[in-house]
Amino acid sequence: MTRRLWSAHALGAGLVVFAALTIQPACAGRWEIRQEVREGIREVEREKREARREIRRCETRECVKREVREGYREVQREKREARREVRGALRDYRDERYGDKRGKDLLKGLIIGAAAVGVATAIANSSREAYD
């Protein structure tokens, strides 16, 4: 009975260590994506404020038309740049999470987990033999 108990504890500890090693990068990637989205929104809003300010300074109809065109062009450029940055962050996140490294990291984690379970089992067996 104690042998099964020790094996269950060792297996549980191995799974906890494995989960702790694999969860952290995923959270960081999502944070970076959200950061890029927020930065893009701020930049677009800044360009809109700047365009409104320039339009208010105009005194002629031609000046207003020119500033509207320029403001629209700048806002669209910022939107494109923001989309490009978010796509890059998503691509980096996917590469980190599902890239070629993933298989290697998974294999390393499984090996480490198996080693931890083996060591815990050996310790449990040796302590059980000492009392028998």
Protein backbone atom coordinates (compact mmCIF):
# COMPACT_ATOMS: atom_id res chain seq x y z
CA MET A 1 0.00 0.00 0.00
CA THR A 2 2.76 2.48 0.86
CA ARG A 3 4.54 1.70 -2.38
CA ARG A 4 1.49 2.76 -4.40
CA LEU A 5 1.17 5.86 -2.26
CA TRP A 6 4.80 6.87 -2.87
CA SER A 7 4.46 6.21 -6.59
CA ALA A 8 1.35 8.37 -6.76
CA HIS A 9 3.10 11.18 -4.90
CA ALA A 10 6.14 10.94 -7.14
CA LEU A 11 3.99 10.94 -10.27
CA GLY A 12 2.03 13.94 -8.98
CA ALA A 13 5.23 15.85 -8.20
CA GLY A 14 6.60 15.06 -11.65
CA LEU A 15 3.45 16.33 -13.32
CA VAL A 16 3.49 19.53 -11.27
CA VAL A 17 7.10 20.23 -12.24
CA PHE A 18 6.36 19.49 -15.89
CA ALA A 19 3.30 21.76 -15.90
CA ALA A 20 5.21 24.58 -14.21
CA LEU A 21 7.93 24.44 -16.85
CA THR A 22 5.54 24.53 -19.80
CA ILE A 23 2.94 27.11 -18.71
CA GLN A 24 5.08 30.23 -18.23
CA PRO A 25 6.08 30.96 -21.89
CA ALA A 26 2.46 30.82 -23.04
CA CYS A 27 1.42 33.57 -20.63
CA ALA A 28 4.30 35.80 -21.71
CA GLY A 29 3.38 35.43 -25.38
CA ARG A 30 -0.23 36.41 -24.82
CA TRP A 31 0.87 39.43 -22.82
CA GLU A 32 3.12 40.57 -25.69
CA ILE A 33 0.23 40.29 -28.15
CA ARG A 34 -2.04 42.36 -25.92
CA GLN A 35 0.75 44.90 -25.48
CA GLU A 36 1.10 45.27 -29.27
CA VAL A 37 -2.67 45.72 -29.65
CA ARG A 38 -2.75 48.43 -26.98
CA GLU A 39 0.26 50.17 -28.51
CA GLY A 40 -1.40 50.13 -31.94
CA ILE A 41 -4.61 51.63 -30.56
CA ARG A 42 -2.63 54.39 -28.83
CA GLU A 43 -0.73 55.25 -32.02
CA VAL A 44 -3.90 55.39 -34.14
CA GLU A 45 -5.61 57.63 -31.57
CA ARG A 46 -2.54 59.88 -31.47
CA GLU A 47 -2.64 60.27 -35.26
CA LYS A 48 -6.36 61.08 -35.14
CA ARG A 49 -5.76 63.76 -32.50
CA GLU A 50 -2.94 65.21 -34.55
CA ALA A 51 -5.11 65.29 -37.68
CA ARG A 52 -7.94 67.06 -35.81
CA ARG A 53 -5.49 69.60 -34.46
CA GLU A 54 -4.10 70.32 -37.93
CA ILE A 55 -7.61 70.66 -39.40
CA ARG A 56 -8.58 73.17 -36.71
CA ARG A 57 -5.55 75.30 -37.62
CA CYS A 58 -6.62 75.57 -41.26
CA GLU A 59 -8.29 78.71 -42.53
CA THR A 60 -9.05 77.78 -46.14
CA ARG A 61 -11.10 75.02 -47.69
CA GLU A 62 -8.09 73.68 -49.63
CA CYS A 63 -6.05 73.49 -46.45
CA VAL A 64 -8.82 71.48 -44.76
CA LYS A 65 -9.04 69.07 -47.72
CA ARG A 66 -5.28 68.61 -47.75
CA GLU A 67 -5.15 67.98 -43.98
CA VAL A 68 -8.10 65.56 -44.12
CA ARG A 69 -6.35 63.57 -46.86
CA GLU A 70 -3.06 63.63 -44.98
CA GLY A 71 -4.74 62.71 -41.69
CA TYR A 72 -6.61 59.83 -43.31
CA ARG A 73 -3.40 58.61 -44.93
CA GLU A 74 -1.49 58.77 -41.63
CA VAL A 75 -4.23 56.99 -39.68
CA GLN A 76 -4.41 54.23 -42.27
CA ARG A 77 -0.62 53.88 -42.20
CA GLU A 78 -0.69 53.51 -38.40
CA LYS A 79 -3.46 50.92 -38.66
CA ARG A 80 -1.43 48.92 -41.19
CA GLU A 81 1.64 49.12 -39.00
CA ALA A 82 -0.34 48.06 -35.93
CA ARG A 83 -1.78 45.06 -37.80
CA ARG A 84 1.70 44.11 -38.97
CA GLU A 85 3.07 44.31 -35.42
CA VAL A 86 0.22 42.23 -33.99
CA ARG A 87 0.64 39.61 -36.72
CA GLY A 88 4.36 39.45 -35.92
CA ALA A 89 3.63 39.00 -32.21
CA LEU A 90 1.09 36.27 -33.02
CA ARG A 91 3.59 34.55 -35.28
CA ASP A 92 6.26 34.70 -32.56
CA TYR A 93 3.77 33.34 -30.03
CA ARG A 94 2.81 30.45 -32.29
CA ASP A 95 6.45 29.70 -33.07
CA GLU A 96 7.33 29.68 -29.37
CA ARG A 97 4.36 27.58 -28.42
CA TYR A 98 4.01 25.21 -31.38
CA GLY A 99 7.30 25.51 -33.25
CA ASP A 100 9.93 22.86 -33.85
CA LYS A 101 11.27 23.46 -30.34
CA ARG A 102 8.00 22.24 -28.85
CA GLY A 103 8.68 18.61 -29.61
CA LYS A 104 12.18 18.83 -28.15
CA ASP A 105 10.96 20.63 -25.03
CA LEU A 106 8.17 18.11 -24.58
CA LEU A 107 10.65 15.26 -24.88
CA LYS A 108 12.97 16.91 -22.36
CA GLY A 109 10.08 17.42 -19.96
CA LEU A 110 8.97 13.82 -20.28
CA ILE A 111 12.51 12.56 -19.68
CA ILE A 112 12.94 14.80 -16.64
CA GLY A 113 9.52 13.76 -15.33
CA ALA A 114 10.32 10.08 -15.83
CA ALA A 115 13.66 10.54 -14.08
CA ALA A 116 11.97 12.30 -11.16
CA VAL A 117 9.40 9.51 -10.87
CA GLY A 118 12.16 6.90 -11.06
CA VAL A 119 14.21 8.60 -8.35
CA ALA A 120 11.16 8.97 -6.09
CA THR A 121 10.27 5.31 -6.63
CA ALA A 122 13.83 4.22 -5.86
CA ILE A 123 13.82 6.26 -2.66
CA ALA A 124 10.46 4.82 -1.68
CA ASN A 125 11.68 1.28 -2.36
CA SER A 126 14.90 1.77 -0.42
CA SER A 127 13.09 3.22 2.60
CA ARG A 128 10.57 0.37 2.46
CA GLU A 129 13.37 -2.22 2.33
CA ALA A 130 15.05 -0.59 5.33
CA TYR A 131 11.93 -1.18 7.44
CA ASP A 132 11.31 -4.77 6.23
